[in-house]
Amino acid sequence: MGDAKADSRRSFRRFSVDVDVGVECGGQRGRGKISSLSLGGCYLTCPLKLRRGDLLDLAFFGTDMEVMIHVSGEVRHSTGEGHGIKFRDPSFEAREEIANLIYHAHLNESKQPLSFHPQRKEPRVALRLPVTLRGRDIFDKSFEEQTHTENVSRRGACVVTRWHLEVGSVVEVEAYGQFKAQAAVRVRWATRHRKEHFVVGVQFLEVEGDWIVR
């Protein structure tokens, strides 16, 4: 019952993965495995004695066992060796790595592009909204620019940028001025716009604040 209630409160869709992690909690250290993952949390199995409310640190290992992500979490529910973990204020870099991990795991399994939200046709509002766009371009160069949207919807936007962004990559959009909101977004498509600019379609993964379209 408790697990069902926890599932109903989840804000993010979870995906099946197979990820080795290092776990540290209250002086305990060990190795574990994540079998499902979302931008907001994960399901962890490990031999450590964990209880609901415990705070822990996770180190995600890559294929060469090099640590690629550090993130803190809280145990939200626990059954034996299995634990539902909610991430605690992950950095943008950690969210980006987690999103890419989910994306590639799903892509390898299904051979189909991943959609973090159900496919649907939503009305877009033509709106030139000032935003800050930051992340890494197709050449892995870090950037931050002041730009604007072409249109917006409840789950995404079209944004003008000088940077060549890779489809599937995760960047951050921050609205300012009259409307204040921040969102981690995935680039769904990109096309050339005028001479030195691109228009990119982005889909929200995680939003903080009040976005213009509800």
N, C-alpha and C. Protein backbone atom coordinates (compact mmCIF):
# COMPACT_ATOMS: atom_id res chain seq x y z
N MET A 1 0.83 -1.21 0.00
CA MET A 1 0.00 0.00 0.00
C MET A 1 0.85 1.24 0.00
N GLY A 2 1.89 1.26 0.90
CA GLY A 2 2.76 2.43 0.98
C GLY A 2 3.47 2.69 -0.34
N ASP A 3 3.93 1.59 -1.02
CA ASP A 3 4.62 1.74 -2.28
C ASP A 3 3.68 2.27 -3.35
N ALA A 4 2.43 1.81 -3.33
CA ALA A 4 1.46 2.28 -4.32
C ALA A 4 1.21 3.76 -4.16
N LYS A 5 1.11 4.22 -2.89
CA LYS A 5 0.91 5.64 -2.65
C LYS A 5 2.11 6.44 -3.12
N ALA A 6 3.32 5.89 -2.87
CA ALA A 6 4.53 6.58 -3.31
C ALA A 6 4.55 6.70 -4.82
N ASP A 7 4.13 5.61 -5.53
CA ASP A 7 4.10 5.64 -6.98
C ASP A 7 3.15 6.70 -7.48
N SER A 8 1.99 6.86 -6.81
CA SER A 8 0.99 7.81 -7.27
C SER A 8 1.45 9.24 -7.11
N ARG A 9 2.43 9.48 -6.21
CA ARG A 9 2.90 10.83 -5.97
C ARG A 9 4.08 11.20 -6.86
N ARG A 10 4.59 10.28 -7.66
CA ARG A 10 5.77 10.57 -8.46
C ARG A 10 5.46 11.64 -9.51
N SER A 11 6.41 12.56 -9.67
CA SER A 11 6.27 13.61 -10.65
C SER A 11 6.90 13.24 -11.98
N PHE A 12 7.75 12.22 -11.99
CA PHE A 12 8.50 11.87 -13.18
C PHE A 12 8.29 10.40 -13.53
N ARG A 13 8.22 10.15 -14.82
CA ARG A 13 8.12 8.79 -15.31
C ARG A 13 9.44 8.06 -15.06
N ARG A 14 9.37 6.79 -14.65
CA ARG A 14 10.57 6.01 -14.38
C ARG A 14 10.85 5.05 -15.54
N PHE A 15 12.14 4.75 -15.73
CA PHE A 15 12.58 3.88 -16.81
C PHE A 15 13.50 2.81 -16.26
N SER A 16 13.41 1.61 -16.86
CA SER A 16 14.24 0.49 -16.42
C SER A 16 15.68 0.71 -16.85
N VAL A 17 16.60 0.57 -15.91
CA VAL A 17 18.03 0.70 -16.19
C VAL A 17 18.77 -0.38 -15.41
N ASP A 18 20.07 -0.47 -15.62
CA ASP A 18 20.92 -1.40 -14.88
C ASP A 18 22.22 -0.64 -14.59
N VAL A 19 22.26 0.04 -13.45
CA VAL A 19 23.36 0.94 -13.15
C VAL A 19 24.00 0.58 -11.81
N ASP A 20 25.31 0.41 -11.79
CA ASP A 20 26.04 0.17 -10.55
C ASP A 20 26.32 1.49 -9.85
N VAL A 21 26.16 1.51 -8.53
CA VAL A 21 26.38 2.73 -7.77
C VAL A 21 27.13 2.42 -6.48
N GLY A 22 27.85 3.42 -5.99
CA GLY A 22 28.39 3.38 -4.65
C GLY A 22 27.42 4.09 -3.73
N VAL A 23 27.23 3.58 -2.53
CA VAL A 23 26.24 4.12 -1.59
C VAL A 23 26.94 4.45 -0.27
N GLU A 24 26.65 5.64 0.26
CA GLU A 24 27.18 6.02 1.56
C GLU A 24 26.06 6.63 2.38
N CYS A 25 25.87 6.11 3.59
CA CYS A 25 24.78 6.59 4.45
C CYS A 25 25.17 6.42 5.92
N GLY A 26 25.30 7.51 6.65
CA GLY A 26 25.54 7.46 8.07
C GLY A 26 26.72 6.61 8.49
N GLY A 27 27.82 6.70 7.75
CA GLY A 27 28.99 5.89 8.09
C GLY A 27 29.02 4.54 7.39
N GLN A 28 27.90 4.09 6.86
CA GLN A 28 27.86 2.84 6.10
C GLN A 28 28.29 3.10 4.66
N ARG A 29 29.04 2.18 4.09
CA ARG A 29 29.43 2.27 2.70
C ARG A 29 29.26 0.92 2.02
N GLY A 30 28.84 0.95 0.78
CA GLY A 30 28.67 -0.30 0.06
C GLY A 30 28.38 -0.04 -1.39
N ARG A 31 28.13 -1.13 -2.11
CA ARG A 31 27.79 -1.07 -3.53
C ARG A 31 26.35 -1.47 -3.71
N GLY A 32 25.71 -0.90 -4.70
CA GLY A 32 24.33 -1.24 -4.97
C GLY A 32 24.04 -1.18 -6.45
N LYS A 33 22.78 -1.37 -6.78
CA LYS A 33 22.35 -1.35 -8.18
C LYS A 33 21.03 -0.62 -8.30
N ILE A 34 20.94 0.23 -9.32
CA ILE A 34 19.69 0.94 -9.61
C ILE A 34 18.99 0.23 -10.76
N SER A 35 17.73 -0.14 -10.53
CA SER A 35 16.98 -0.87 -11.55
C SER A 35 15.93 -0.02 -12.23
N SER A 36 15.55 1.10 -11.63
CA SER A 36 14.66 2.05 -12.30
C SER A 36 15.10 3.45 -11.91
N LEU A 37 14.93 4.38 -12.87
CA LEU A 37 15.50 5.71 -12.71
C LEU A 37 14.59 6.75 -13.34
N SER A 38 14.49 7.90 -12.68
CA SER A 38 13.80 9.05 -13.23
C SER A 38 14.62 10.28 -12.92
N LEU A 39 14.17 11.43 -13.41
CA LEU A 39 14.87 12.68 -13.09
C LEU A 39 14.72 13.04 -11.62
N GLY A 40 13.71 12.45 -10.96
CA GLY A 40 13.47 12.79 -9.57
C GLY A 40 13.91 11.77 -8.55
N GLY A 41 14.25 10.56 -8.99
CA GLY A 41 14.63 9.54 -8.02
C GLY A 41 14.95 8.21 -8.68
N CYS A 42 15.06 7.16 -7.86
CA CYS A 42 15.43 5.85 -8.38
C CYS A 42 14.98 4.76 -7.42
N TYR A 43 15.08 3.52 -7.89
CA TYR A 43 14.86 2.36 -7.03
C TYR A 43 16.19 1.66 -6.86
N LEU A 44 16.64 1.53 -5.62
CA LEU A 44 17.98 1.05 -5.29
C LEU A 44 17.91 -0.25 -4.53
N THR A 45 18.74 -1.21 -4.91
CA THR A 45 18.94 -2.41 -4.10
C THR A 45 20.39 -2.41 -3.62
N CYS A 46 20.57 -2.64 -2.32
CA CYS A 46 21.92 -2.68 -1.75
C CYS A 46 21.86 -3.37 -0.40
N PRO A 47 22.99 -3.87 0.10
CA PRO A 47 22.99 -4.61 1.37
C PRO A 47 22.99 -3.71 2.61
N LEU A 48 23.11 -2.40 2.45
CA LEU A 48 23.13 -1.52 3.60
C LEU A 48 21.77 -1.50 4.30
N LYS A 49 21.78 -1.27 5.60
CA LYS A 49 20.54 -1.17 6.36
C LYS A 49 20.03 0.27 6.28
N LEU A 50 19.03 0.47 5.45
CA LEU A 50 18.48 1.81 5.24
C LEU A 50 17.05 1.86 5.74
N ARG A 51 16.67 3.01 6.26
CA ARG A 51 15.31 3.21 6.75
C ARG A 51 14.73 4.47 6.12
N ARG A 52 13.42 4.53 6.14
CA ARG A 52 12.75 5.71 5.59
C ARG A 52 13.24 6.97 6.30
N GLY A 53 13.57 7.99 5.51
CA GLY A 53 14.06 9.24 6.06
C GLY A 53 15.57 9.36 6.07
N ASP A 54 16.28 8.23 5.88
CA ASP A 54 17.74 8.29 5.85
C ASP A 54 18.21 9.12 4.66
N LEU A 55 19.27 9.90 4.88
CA LEU A 55 19.92 10.66 3.82
C LEU A 55 21.15 9.92 3.36
N LEU A 56 21.37 9.87 2.06
CA LEU A 56 22.49 9.11 1.53
C LEU A 56 23.11 9.83 0.33
N ASP A 57 24.29 9.36 -0.05
CA ASP A 57 24.98 9.86 -1.23
C ASP A 57 25.18 8.71 -2.19
N LEU A 58 24.91 8.97 -3.48
CA LEU A 58 25.07 7.96 -4.51
C LEU A 58 26.14 8.40 -5.50
N ALA A 59 26.99 7.46 -5.88
CA ALA A 59 27.99 7.69 -6.93
C ALA A 59 27.68 6.73 -8.07
N PHE A 60 27.25 7.27 -9.22
CA PHE A 60 26.92 6.45 -10.38
C PHE A 60 28.21 6.09 -11.11
N PHE A 61 28.39 4.78 -11.39
CA PHE A 61 29.59 4.34 -12.10
C PHE A 61 29.29 4.16 -13.58
N GLY A 62 30.27 4.52 -14.41
CA GLY A 62 30.17 4.28 -15.85
C GLY A 62 30.62 2.87 -16.17
N THR A 63 30.71 2.58 -17.47
CA THR A 63 31.06 1.22 -17.90
C THR A 63 32.48 0.85 -17.48
N ASP A 64 33.36 1.86 -17.34
CA ASP A 64 34.73 1.59 -16.90
C ASP A 64 34.89 1.74 -15.40
N MET A 65 33.74 1.80 -14.68
CA MET A 65 33.68 1.94 -13.23
C MET A 65 34.22 3.28 -12.74
N GLU A 66 34.30 4.25 -13.63
CA GLU A 66 34.64 5.61 -13.24
C GLU A 66 33.37 6.32 -12.78
N VAL A 67 33.46 7.08 -11.69
CA VAL A 67 32.28 7.80 -11.19
C VAL A 67 31.91 8.90 -12.18
N MET A 68 30.64 8.88 -12.64
CA MET A 68 30.21 9.91 -13.60
C MET A 68 29.15 10.84 -13.03
N ILE A 69 28.48 10.45 -11.94
CA ILE A 69 27.47 11.31 -11.33
C ILE A 69 27.55 11.17 -9.81
N HIS A 70 27.48 12.28 -9.11
CA HIS A 70 27.30 12.29 -7.66
C HIS A 70 25.95 12.95 -7.39
N VAL A 71 25.13 12.32 -6.56
CA VAL A 71 23.84 12.91 -6.21
C VAL A 71 23.44 12.46 -4.80
N SER A 72 22.82 13.37 -4.06
CA SER A 72 22.32 13.04 -2.73
C SER A 72 20.85 12.64 -2.83
N GLY A 73 20.39 11.85 -1.86
CA GLY A 73 19.01 11.40 -1.90
C GLY A 73 18.47 11.12 -0.51
N GLU A 74 17.17 10.87 -0.47
CA GLU A 74 16.48 10.53 0.77
C GLU A 74 15.68 9.25 0.55
N VAL A 75 15.74 8.34 1.49
CA VAL A 75 14.96 7.10 1.41
C VAL A 75 13.50 7.43 1.69
N ARG A 76 12.64 7.22 0.71
CA ARG A 76 11.22 7.52 0.87
C ARG A 76 10.41 6.30 1.28
N HIS A 77 10.84 5.12 0.84
CA HIS A 77 10.21 3.88 1.31
C HIS A 77 11.23 2.76 1.18
N SER A 78 11.08 1.73 2.01
CA SER A 78 12.07 0.66 2.06
C SER A 78 11.39 -0.68 2.30
N THR A 79 11.79 -1.70 1.52
CA THR A 79 11.27 -3.06 1.71
C THR A 79 12.45 -4.02 1.58
N GLY A 80 12.99 -4.47 2.70
CA GLY A 80 14.13 -5.39 2.64
C GLY A 80 15.35 -4.69 2.06
N GLU A 81 15.87 -5.25 0.94
CA GLU A 81 17.04 -4.67 0.30
C GLU A 81 16.68 -3.64 -0.76
N GLY A 82 15.38 -3.45 -1.02
CA GLY A 82 14.94 -2.50 -2.04
C GLY A 82 14.49 -1.19 -1.42
N HIS A 83 14.89 -0.07 -2.03
CA HIS A 83 14.60 1.23 -1.46
C HIS A 83 14.21 2.24 -2.55
N GLY A 84 13.14 2.97 -2.31
CA GLY A 84 12.76 4.07 -3.19
C GLY A 84 13.47 5.33 -2.74
N ILE A 85 14.23 5.93 -3.64
CA ILE A 85 15.07 7.09 -3.31
C ILE A 85 14.56 8.33 -4.05
N LYS A 86 14.44 9.44 -3.32
CA LYS A 86 14.14 10.72 -3.95
C LYS A 86 15.41 11.56 -3.94
N PHE A 87 15.79 12.07 -5.13
CA PHE A 87 16.99 12.89 -5.22
C PHE A 87 16.76 14.22 -4.51
N ARG A 88 17.82 14.75 -3.89
CA ARG A 88 17.74 16.01 -3.14
C ARG A 88 18.55 17.08 -3.86
N ASP A 89 17.84 18.00 -4.51
CA ASP A 89 18.45 19.16 -5.16
C ASP A 89 19.67 18.79 -6.01
N PRO A 90 19.51 17.91 -7.00
CA PRO A 90 20.65 17.59 -7.86
C PRO A 90 21.08 18.80 -8.67
N SER A 91 22.36 18.91 -8.95
CA SER A 91 22.86 20.01 -9.77
C SER A 91 22.35 19.87 -11.20
N PHE A 92 22.46 20.95 -11.96
CA PHE A 92 22.05 20.87 -13.36
C PHE A 92 22.88 19.83 -14.09
N GLU A 93 24.20 19.78 -13.79
CA GLU A 93 25.07 18.80 -14.44
C GLU A 93 24.63 17.37 -14.13
N ALA A 94 24.24 17.12 -12.88
CA ALA A 94 23.77 15.78 -12.50
C ALA A 94 22.46 15.45 -13.21
N ARG A 95 21.52 16.42 -13.26
CA ARG A 95 20.25 16.19 -13.97
C ARG A 95 20.50 15.88 -15.43
N GLU A 96 21.46 16.60 -16.04
CA GLU A 96 21.78 16.38 -17.44
C GLU A 96 22.31 14.97 -17.66
N GLU A 97 23.22 14.51 -16.80
CA GLU A 97 23.78 13.17 -16.93
C GLU A 97 22.71 12.10 -16.71
N ILE A 98 21.83 12.33 -15.72
CA ILE A 98 20.76 11.36 -15.46
C ILE A 98 19.82 11.27 -16.65
N ALA A 99 19.45 12.43 -17.21
CA ALA A 99 18.56 12.44 -18.38
C ALA A 99 19.20 11.72 -19.56
N ASN A 100 20.49 11.94 -19.78
CA ASN A 100 21.17 11.26 -20.88
C ASN A 100 21.28 9.76 -20.63
N LEU A 101 21.48 9.37 -19.38
CA LEU A 101 21.53 7.96 -19.03
C LEU A 101 20.20 7.28 -19.33
N ILE A 102 19.11 7.92 -18.93
CA ILE A 102 17.77 7.40 -19.20
C ILE A 102 17.53 7.31 -20.71
N TYR A 103 17.88 8.38 -21.41
CA TYR A 103 17.63 8.45 -22.85
C TYR A 103 18.33 7.32 -23.59
N HIS A 104 19.62 7.12 -23.32
CA HIS A 104 20.38 6.11 -24.06
C HIS A 104 19.99 4.70 -23.65
N ALA A 105 19.65 4.50 -22.38
CA ALA A 105 19.20 3.17 -21.95
C ALA A 105 17.91 2.80 -22.67
N HIS A 106 16.98 3.75 -22.75
CA HIS A 106 15.72 3.49 -23.44
C HIS A 106 15.95 3.29 -24.93
N LEU A 107 16.80 4.11 -25.52
CA LEU A 107 17.06 4.02 -26.96
C LEU A 107 17.67 2.68 -27.32
N ASN A 108 18.62 2.19 -26.50
CA ASN A 108 19.26 0.91 -26.78
C ASN A 108 18.27 -0.25 -26.67
N GLU A 109 17.31 -0.10 -25.77
CA GLU A 109 16.35 -1.19 -25.55
C GLU A 109 15.25 -1.20 -26.60
N SER A 110 14.70 -0.01 -26.92
CA SER A 110 13.52 0.05 -27.78
C SER A 110 13.82 0.42 -29.22
N LYS A 111 15.01 0.99 -29.47
CA LYS A 111 15.37 1.51 -30.78
C LYS A 111 14.46 2.64 -31.23
N GLN A 112 13.73 3.23 -30.29
CA GLN A 112 12.84 4.34 -30.60
C GLN A 112 13.22 5.55 -29.76
N PRO A 113 13.07 6.76 -30.30
CA PRO A 113 13.35 7.96 -29.51
C PRO A 113 12.48 7.99 -28.26
N LEU A 114 13.04 8.52 -27.20
CA LEU A 114 12.36 8.58 -25.92
C LEU A 114 11.54 9.85 -25.79
N SER A 115 10.30 9.73 -25.33
CA SER A 115 9.49 10.90 -25.00
C SER A 115 9.23 10.89 -23.51
N PHE A 116 9.60 11.95 -22.81
CA PHE A 116 9.41 12.02 -21.37
C PHE A 116 7.97 12.35 -21.01
N HIS A 117 7.19 12.75 -21.97
CA HIS A 117 5.78 13.04 -21.75
C HIS A 117 4.97 12.38 -22.86
N PRO A 118 3.70 12.06 -22.63
CA PRO A 118 2.90 11.45 -23.67
C PRO A 118 2.86 12.33 -24.91
N GLN A 119 2.89 11.69 -26.10
CA GLN A 119 2.78 12.44 -27.33
C GLN A 119 1.38 13.04 -27.43
N ARG A 120 1.33 14.34 -27.67
CA ARG A 120 0.03 14.98 -27.80
C ARG A 120 0.19 16.27 -28.58
N LYS A 121 -0.87 16.70 -29.23
CA LYS A 121 -0.85 17.97 -29.95
C LYS A 121 -1.38 19.04 -29.01
N GLU A 122 -0.50 19.95 -28.64
CA GLU A 122 -0.89 21.01 -27.72
C GLU A 122 -0.84 22.35 -28.43
N PRO A 123 -1.74 23.24 -28.08
CA PRO A 123 -1.70 24.57 -28.71
C PRO A 123 -0.46 25.33 -28.29
N ARG A 124 0.19 25.96 -29.27
CA ARG A 124 1.33 26.81 -28.99
C ARG A 124 0.91 28.26 -29.13
N VAL A 125 1.48 29.08 -28.26
CA VAL A 125 1.16 30.50 -28.25
C VAL A 125 2.35 31.26 -28.81
N ALA A 126 2.13 32.04 -29.88
CA ALA A 126 3.20 32.86 -30.43
C ALA A 126 3.56 33.92 -29.41
N LEU A 127 4.78 33.84 -28.87
CA LEU A 127 5.18 34.75 -27.80
C LEU A 127 6.70 34.92 -27.82
N ARG A 128 7.12 36.17 -27.91
CA ARG A 128 8.55 36.48 -27.85
C ARG A 128 8.90 36.75 -26.38
N LEU A 129 9.36 35.71 -25.70
CA LEU A 129 9.63 35.77 -24.27
C LEU A 129 11.14 35.77 -24.05
N PRO A 130 11.69 36.77 -23.35
CA PRO A 130 13.13 36.78 -23.10
C PRO A 130 13.55 35.64 -22.18
N VAL A 131 14.58 34.90 -22.57
CA VAL A 131 15.05 33.77 -21.78
C VAL A 131 16.57 33.73 -21.80
N THR A 132 17.13 33.07 -20.79
CA THR A 132 18.54 32.71 -20.79
C THR A 132 18.65 31.23 -21.12
N LEU A 133 19.49 30.91 -22.08
CA LEU A 133 19.71 29.52 -22.49
C LEU A 133 21.14 29.16 -22.14
N ARG A 134 21.31 28.04 -21.43
CA ARG A 134 22.67 27.63 -21.05
C ARG A 134 22.81 26.12 -21.14
N GLY A 135 24.02 25.67 -21.44
CA GLY A 135 24.28 24.24 -21.56
C GLY A 135 25.57 24.01 -22.33
N ARG A 136 25.60 22.95 -23.16
CA ARG A 136 26.75 22.64 -24.00
C ARG A 136 26.28 22.39 -25.43
N ASP A 137 27.08 22.85 -26.39
CA ASP A 137 26.68 22.71 -27.78
C ASP A 137 27.14 21.36 -28.34
N ILE A 138 26.97 21.18 -29.64
CA ILE A 138 27.27 19.89 -30.28
C ILE A 138 28.76 19.56 -30.21
N PHE A 139 29.60 20.59 -29.98
CA PHE A 139 31.04 20.39 -29.86
C PHE A 139 31.48 20.32 -28.40
N ASP A 140 30.51 20.19 -27.49
CA ASP A 140 30.75 20.07 -26.05
C ASP A 140 31.33 21.36 -25.46
N LYS A 141 31.02 22.49 -26.08
CA LYS A 141 31.47 23.78 -25.56
C LYS A 141 30.38 24.39 -24.69
N SER A 142 30.75 24.79 -23.47
CA SER A 142 29.80 25.39 -22.55
C SER A 142 29.40 26.79 -23.04
N PHE A 143 28.11 27.14 -22.87
CA PHE A 143 27.64 28.45 -23.31
C PHE A 143 26.52 28.96 -22.41
N GLU A 144 26.31 30.24 -22.46
CA GLU A 144 25.16 30.89 -21.85
C GLU A 144 24.83 32.11 -22.70
N GLU A 145 23.58 32.26 -23.10
CA GLU A 145 23.21 33.40 -23.94
C GLU A 145 21.84 33.95 -23.57
N GLN A 146 21.67 35.24 -23.80
CA GLN A 146 20.38 35.88 -23.65
C GLN A 146 19.68 35.82 -25.00
N THR A 147 18.50 35.21 -25.05
CA THR A 147 17.80 35.06 -26.31
C THR A 147 16.30 35.16 -26.08
N HIS A 148 15.50 34.53 -26.92
CA HIS A 148 14.04 34.65 -26.77
C HIS A 148 13.35 33.44 -27.39
N THR A 149 12.12 33.24 -27.01
CA THR A 149 11.29 32.19 -27.60
C THR A 149 10.58 32.73 -28.84
N GLU A 150 10.19 31.82 -29.72
CA GLU A 150 9.31 32.15 -30.84
C GLU A 150 7.87 31.85 -30.48
N ASN A 151 7.67 30.73 -29.77
CA ASN A 151 6.35 30.36 -29.27
C ASN A 151 6.53 29.42 -28.10
N VAL A 152 5.47 29.23 -27.32
CA VAL A 152 5.53 28.40 -26.12
C VAL A 152 4.27 27.55 -26.02
N SER A 153 4.38 26.45 -25.29
CA SER A 153 3.23 25.62 -24.96
C SER A 153 3.37 25.18 -23.52
N ARG A 154 2.45 24.37 -23.06
CA ARG A 154 2.49 23.93 -21.66
C ARG A 154 3.68 23.03 -21.38
N ARG A 155 4.15 22.33 -22.41
CA ARG A 155 5.23 21.35 -22.18
C ARG A 155 6.51 21.66 -22.97
N GLY A 156 6.56 22.80 -23.63
CA GLY A 156 7.77 23.08 -24.39
C GLY A 156 7.77 24.47 -24.99
N ALA A 157 8.73 24.69 -25.86
CA ALA A 157 8.88 26.01 -26.48
C ALA A 157 9.77 25.88 -27.70
N CYS A 158 9.72 26.90 -28.57
CA CYS A 158 10.68 27.06 -29.64
C CYS A 158 11.58 28.23 -29.26
N VAL A 159 12.88 28.01 -29.26
CA VAL A 159 13.83 29.00 -28.80
C VAL A 159 14.85 29.30 -29.91
N VAL A 160 15.16 30.57 -30.10
CA VAL A 160 16.17 30.98 -31.07
C VAL A 160 17.53 30.96 -30.37
N THR A 161 18.55 30.42 -31.04
CA THR A 161 19.88 30.36 -30.45
C THR A 161 20.96 30.49 -31.51
N ARG A 162 22.11 31.01 -31.10
CA ARG A 162 23.28 31.09 -31.98
C ARG A 162 24.08 29.79 -31.96
N TRP A 163 23.74 28.90 -31.02
CA TRP A 163 24.55 27.72 -30.79
C TRP A 163 23.95 26.50 -31.49
N HIS A 164 24.82 25.67 -32.04
CA HIS A 164 24.39 24.44 -32.69
C HIS A 164 24.23 23.37 -31.62
N LEU A 165 22.99 22.99 -31.34
CA LEU A 165 22.70 22.05 -30.26
C LEU A 165 22.37 20.67 -30.83
N GLU A 166 22.79 19.66 -30.10
CA GLU A 166 22.54 18.28 -30.52
C GLU A 166 21.14 17.85 -30.12
N VAL A 167 20.41 17.26 -31.06
CA VAL A 167 19.09 16.72 -30.75
C VAL A 167 19.24 15.61 -29.72
N GLY A 168 18.44 15.67 -28.67
CA GLY A 168 18.53 14.71 -27.57
C GLY A 168 19.31 15.23 -26.38
N SER A 169 20.06 16.32 -26.57
CA SER A 169 20.83 16.87 -25.46
C SER A 169 19.92 17.62 -24.50
N VAL A 170 20.42 17.86 -23.28
CA VAL A 170 19.66 18.55 -22.25
C VAL A 170 20.32 19.90 -21.98
N VAL A 171 19.53 20.96 -22.00
CA VAL A 171 20.01 22.30 -21.68
C VAL A 171 19.06 22.92 -20.67
N GLU A 172 19.36 24.14 -20.27
CA GLU A 172 18.54 24.82 -19.27
C GLU A 172 18.01 26.12 -19.85
N VAL A 173 16.72 26.38 -19.62
CA VAL A 173 16.08 27.61 -20.07
C VAL A 173 15.55 28.33 -18.84
N GLU A 174 15.85 29.63 -18.75
CA GLU A 174 15.37 30.44 -17.63
C GLU A 174 14.65 31.67 -18.18
N ALA A 175 13.38 31.79 -17.83
CA ALA A 175 12.59 32.95 -18.23
C ALA A 175 12.74 34.04 -17.18
N TYR A 176 12.79 35.29 -17.61
CA TYR A 176 12.93 36.40 -16.68
C TYR A 176 12.04 37.54 -17.15
N GLY A 177 12.07 38.65 -16.43
CA GLY A 177 11.19 39.75 -16.78
C GLY A 177 9.83 39.53 -16.13
N GLN A 178 8.76 39.66 -16.93
CA GLN A 178 7.41 39.54 -16.40
C GLN A 178 7.12 38.14 -15.88
N PHE A 179 7.68 37.12 -16.58
CA PHE A 179 7.46 35.74 -16.19
C PHE A 179 8.78 35.14 -15.73
N LYS A 180 8.77 34.53 -14.56
CA LYS A 180 10.01 33.95 -14.01
C LYS A 180 9.83 32.44 -13.84
N ALA A 181 10.66 31.68 -14.52
CA ALA A 181 10.62 30.23 -14.41
C ALA A 181 11.94 29.67 -14.89
N GLN A 182 12.27 28.46 -14.45
CA GLN A 182 13.50 27.78 -14.85
C GLN A 182 13.14 26.35 -15.19
N ALA A 183 13.76 25.82 -16.26
CA ALA A 183 13.42 24.47 -16.68
C ALA A 183 14.62 23.76 -17.28
N ALA A 184 14.77 22.49 -16.94
CA ALA A 184 15.68 21.61 -17.68
C ALA A 184 14.88 21.08 -18.86
N VAL A 185 15.43 21.18 -20.05
CA VAL A 185 14.68 20.81 -21.25
C VAL A 185 15.53 19.92 -22.15
N ARG A 186 14.85 19.08 -22.94
CA ARG A 186 15.54 18.26 -23.94
C ARG A 186 15.27 18.84 -25.32
N VAL A 187 16.34 18.93 -26.12
CA VAL A 187 16.22 19.41 -27.49
C VAL A 187 15.59 18.30 -28.33
N ARG A 188 14.42 18.57 -28.90
CA ARG A 188 13.70 17.57 -29.70
C ARG A 188 13.98 17.72 -31.19
N TRP A 189 14.23 18.94 -31.64
CA TRP A 189 14.58 19.17 -33.04
C TRP A 189 15.31 20.51 -33.14
N ALA A 190 16.05 20.69 -34.25
CA ALA A 190 16.78 21.93 -34.48
C ALA A 190 16.84 22.20 -35.97
N THR A 191 16.69 23.45 -36.34
CA THR A 191 16.76 23.81 -37.76
C THR A 191 17.41 25.17 -37.90
N ARG A 192 18.03 25.41 -39.05
CA ARG A 192 18.71 26.68 -39.29
C ARG A 192 17.68 27.80 -39.37
N HIS A 193 18.01 28.94 -38.77
CA HIS A 193 17.10 30.09 -38.72
C HIS A 193 17.90 31.33 -39.12
N ARG A 194 17.55 31.92 -40.23
CA ARG A 194 18.30 33.04 -40.78
C ARG A 194 19.76 32.61 -41.03
N LYS A 195 20.71 33.54 -40.92
CA LYS A 195 22.06 33.22 -41.36
C LYS A 195 22.90 32.55 -40.30
N GLU A 196 22.89 33.07 -39.09
CA GLU A 196 23.78 32.57 -38.05
C GLU A 196 23.03 32.07 -36.82
N HIS A 197 21.77 31.73 -36.97
CA HIS A 197 20.98 31.30 -35.83
C HIS A 197 20.26 29.99 -36.13
N PHE A 198 19.83 29.34 -35.05
CA PHE A 198 19.03 28.14 -35.13
C PHE A 198 17.73 28.37 -34.36
N VAL A 199 16.69 27.63 -34.73
CA VAL A 199 15.50 27.51 -33.89
C VAL A 199 15.47 26.07 -33.39
N VAL A 200 15.33 25.91 -32.06
CA VAL A 200 15.28 24.57 -31.49
C VAL A 200 13.95 24.37 -30.78
N GLY A 201 13.40 23.19 -30.94
CA GLY A 201 12.20 22.81 -30.20
C GLY A 201 12.62 22.08 -28.95
N VAL A 202 12.18 22.55 -27.79
CA VAL A 202 12.58 21.92 -26.53
C VAL A 202 11.35 21.42 -25.78
N GLN A 203 11.55 20.36 -25.03
CA GLN A 203 10.49 19.74 -24.24
C GLN A 203 10.91 19.76 -22.78
N PHE A 204 10.01 20.22 -21.91
CA PHE A 204 10.33 20.32 -20.50
C PHE A 204 10.55 18.95 -19.87
N LEU A 205 11.61 18.85 -19.07
CA LEU A 205 11.84 17.67 -18.24
C LEU A 205 11.52 17.98 -16.79
N GLU A 206 11.89 19.17 -16.35
CA GLU A 206 11.68 19.57 -14.96
C GLU A 206 11.54 21.10 -14.93
N VAL A 207 10.50 21.59 -14.25
CA VAL A 207 10.21 23.02 -14.25
C VAL A 207 10.14 23.54 -12.82
N GLU A 208 10.73 24.69 -12.59
CA GLU A 208 10.62 25.40 -11.32
C GLU A 208 10.04 26.77 -11.60
N GLY A 209 9.05 27.17 -10.82
CA GLY A 209 8.43 28.47 -11.02
C GLY A 209 7.17 28.35 -11.87
N ASP A 210 6.65 29.49 -12.30
CA ASP A 210 5.40 29.53 -13.05
C ASP A 210 5.68 29.81 -14.52
N TRP A 211 5.52 28.79 -15.37
CA TRP A 211 5.69 28.98 -16.79
C TRP A 211 4.47 29.71 -17.35
N ILE A 212 4.66 30.36 -18.48
CA ILE A 212 3.62 31.25 -19.00
C ILE A 212 2.35 30.51 -19.41
N VAL A 213 2.48 29.28 -19.97
CA VAL A 213 1.32 28.55 -20.46
C VAL A 213 1.00 27.44 -19.50
N ARG A 214 -0.26 27.34 -19.06
CA ARG A 214 -0.69 26.30 -18.13
C ARG A 214 -1.69 25.38 -18.80
